[in-house]
Amino acid sequence: MTTATALKKLYLFQLSTTSIPLPSGQTLEMSSGCYLIETLDNKRILIDSGMAPGAPPSPAPPSTNEKNILEHLAQLNLRPQDIDTLICTHFDVDHAGYHDHSPAPS
């Protein structure tokens, strides 16, 4: 039997921004982010974890407004150990960079 849980709070963490030049002369504004879900039964679910320090350089222009997931969690007085579930949408370097900071499942 499974039980449903309800959403209590949803956080969108902006990890960085960058402006990509387009051939038309315009720019494409991009934002990298991840989500933290808090449920009514006091569980915390992190979706993606951002770019790891020391990740290979990207061909994109340098990012600005950078703030990693550990800094975002600390602002909420949380640590990686406070995350109950980590969901990885896919394993690109900008989505899975801080996964090793989360505790292994027991």
Protein backbone atom coordinates (compact mmCIF):
# COMPACT_ATOMS: atom_id res chain seq x y z
CA MET A 1 0.00 0.00 0.00
CA THR A 2 1.29 3.47 -0.83
CA THR A 3 0.28 6.69 0.81
CA ALA A 4 0.23 10.10 -0.79
CA THR A 5 1.96 13.05 0.76
CA ALA A 6 1.09 16.67 0.23
CA LEU A 7 3.28 19.57 -0.70
CA LYS A 8 3.99 22.04 2.09
CA LYS A 9 6.56 24.28 0.39
CA LEU A 10 8.40 24.46 -2.94
CA TYR A 11 11.70 26.29 -3.35
CA LEU A 12 13.29 27.19 -6.68
CA PHE A 13 17.01 27.79 -6.20
CA GLN A 14 18.70 29.87 -8.89
CA LEU A 15 22.23 28.53 -9.16
CA SER A 16 23.54 30.79 -11.92
CA THR A 17 22.62 32.83 -14.97
CA THR A 18 24.31 33.34 -18.32
CA SER A 19 23.66 35.16 -21.58
CA ILE A 20 24.16 33.09 -24.73
CA PRO A 21 24.80 35.15 -27.89
CA LEU A 22 22.64 34.11 -30.84
CA PRO A 23 23.51 34.40 -34.54
CA SER A 24 20.75 37.01 -34.88
CA GLY A 25 22.69 39.35 -32.58
CA GLN A 26 20.20 38.83 -29.75
CA THR A 27 21.00 36.96 -26.55
CA LEU A 28 19.30 34.04 -24.87
CA GLU A 29 19.13 34.51 -21.09
CA MET A 30 19.55 31.19 -19.33
CA SER A 31 19.19 30.26 -15.68
CA SER A 32 20.41 27.11 -13.98
CA GLY A 33 18.41 25.92 -11.01
CA CYS A 34 17.12 23.13 -8.85
CA TYR A 35 14.14 22.54 -6.57
CA LEU A 36 13.59 21.66 -2.94
CA ILE A 37 10.22 20.25 -1.92
CA GLU A 38 9.08 20.13 1.69
CA THR A 39 6.10 17.88 2.40
CA LEU A 40 3.46 18.03 5.10
CA ASP A 41 5.01 14.94 6.70
CA ASN A 42 8.31 16.89 7.03
CA LYS A 43 10.23 15.15 4.26
CA ARG A 44 12.63 17.07 2.03
CA ILE A 45 13.10 16.18 -1.62
CA LEU A 46 15.88 17.79 -3.66
CA ILE A 47 15.53 17.71 -7.44
CA ASP A 48 18.95 18.04 -9.10
CA SER A 49 21.98 19.53 -7.37
CA GLY A 50 23.70 21.84 -9.83
CA MET A 51 27.23 22.18 -11.20
CA ALA A 52 30.08 20.75 -9.15
CA PRO A 53 33.09 22.86 -8.30
CA GLY A 54 35.93 22.06 -10.68
CA ALA A 55 33.56 20.86 -13.42
CA PRO A 56 35.03 20.99 -16.93
CA PRO A 57 34.75 24.42 -18.52
CA SER A 58 31.67 24.99 -20.64
CA PRO A 59 31.77 26.47 -24.13
CA ALA A 60 29.04 28.88 -22.93
CA PRO A 61 29.94 32.37 -21.72
CA PRO A 62 30.87 32.62 -18.03
CA SER A 63 28.03 32.35 -15.53
CA THR A 64 27.06 35.12 -13.14
CA ASN A 65 24.95 35.23 -9.98
CA GLU A 66 26.43 31.93 -8.89
CA LYS A 67 25.26 30.30 -5.67
CA ASN A 68 25.62 26.56 -5.14
CA ILE A 69 23.12 24.22 -3.56
CA LEU A 70 25.07 24.02 -0.29
CA GLU A 71 24.79 27.81 0.10
CA HIS A 72 21.04 27.71 -0.64
CA LEU A 73 20.49 24.94 1.90
CA ALA A 74 22.56 26.78 4.52
CA GLN A 75 20.32 29.84 4.12
CA LEU A 76 17.45 27.61 5.23
CA ASN A 77 19.56 26.18 8.07
CA LEU A 78 19.73 22.84 6.25
CA ARG A 79 22.58 20.48 5.41
CA PRO A 80 22.76 17.79 2.73
CA GLN A 81 22.09 15.24 5.51
CA ASP A 82 18.67 16.86 5.98
CA ILE A 83 17.57 15.78 2.50
CA ASP A 84 15.44 12.62 2.56
CA THR A 85 15.28 12.01 -1.19
CA LEU A 86 17.48 13.20 -4.05
CA ILE A 87 15.99 13.01 -7.54
CA CYS A 88 18.24 13.36 -10.55
CA THR A 89 16.39 14.34 -13.71
CA HIS A 90 19.45 13.42 -15.79
CA PHE A 91 23.20 13.12 -15.28
CA ASP A 92 24.47 16.21 -17.10
CA VAL A 93 27.23 17.95 -15.16
CA ASP A 94 24.98 20.94 -14.38
CA HIS A 95 22.32 18.72 -12.77
CA ALA A 96 24.29 16.15 -10.77
CA GLY A 97 27.32 18.05 -9.48
CA TYR A 98 26.62 17.92 -5.75
CA HIS A 99 25.03 14.48 -5.55
CA ASP A 100 28.03 13.12 -3.66
CA HIS A 101 27.25 15.52 -0.78
CA SER A 102 23.97 13.72 -0.08
CA PRO A 103 23.95 10.69 2.18
CA ALA A 104 23.73 7.31 0.52
CA PRO A 105 20.36 5.57 0.81
CA SER A 106 20.10 3.17 3.70
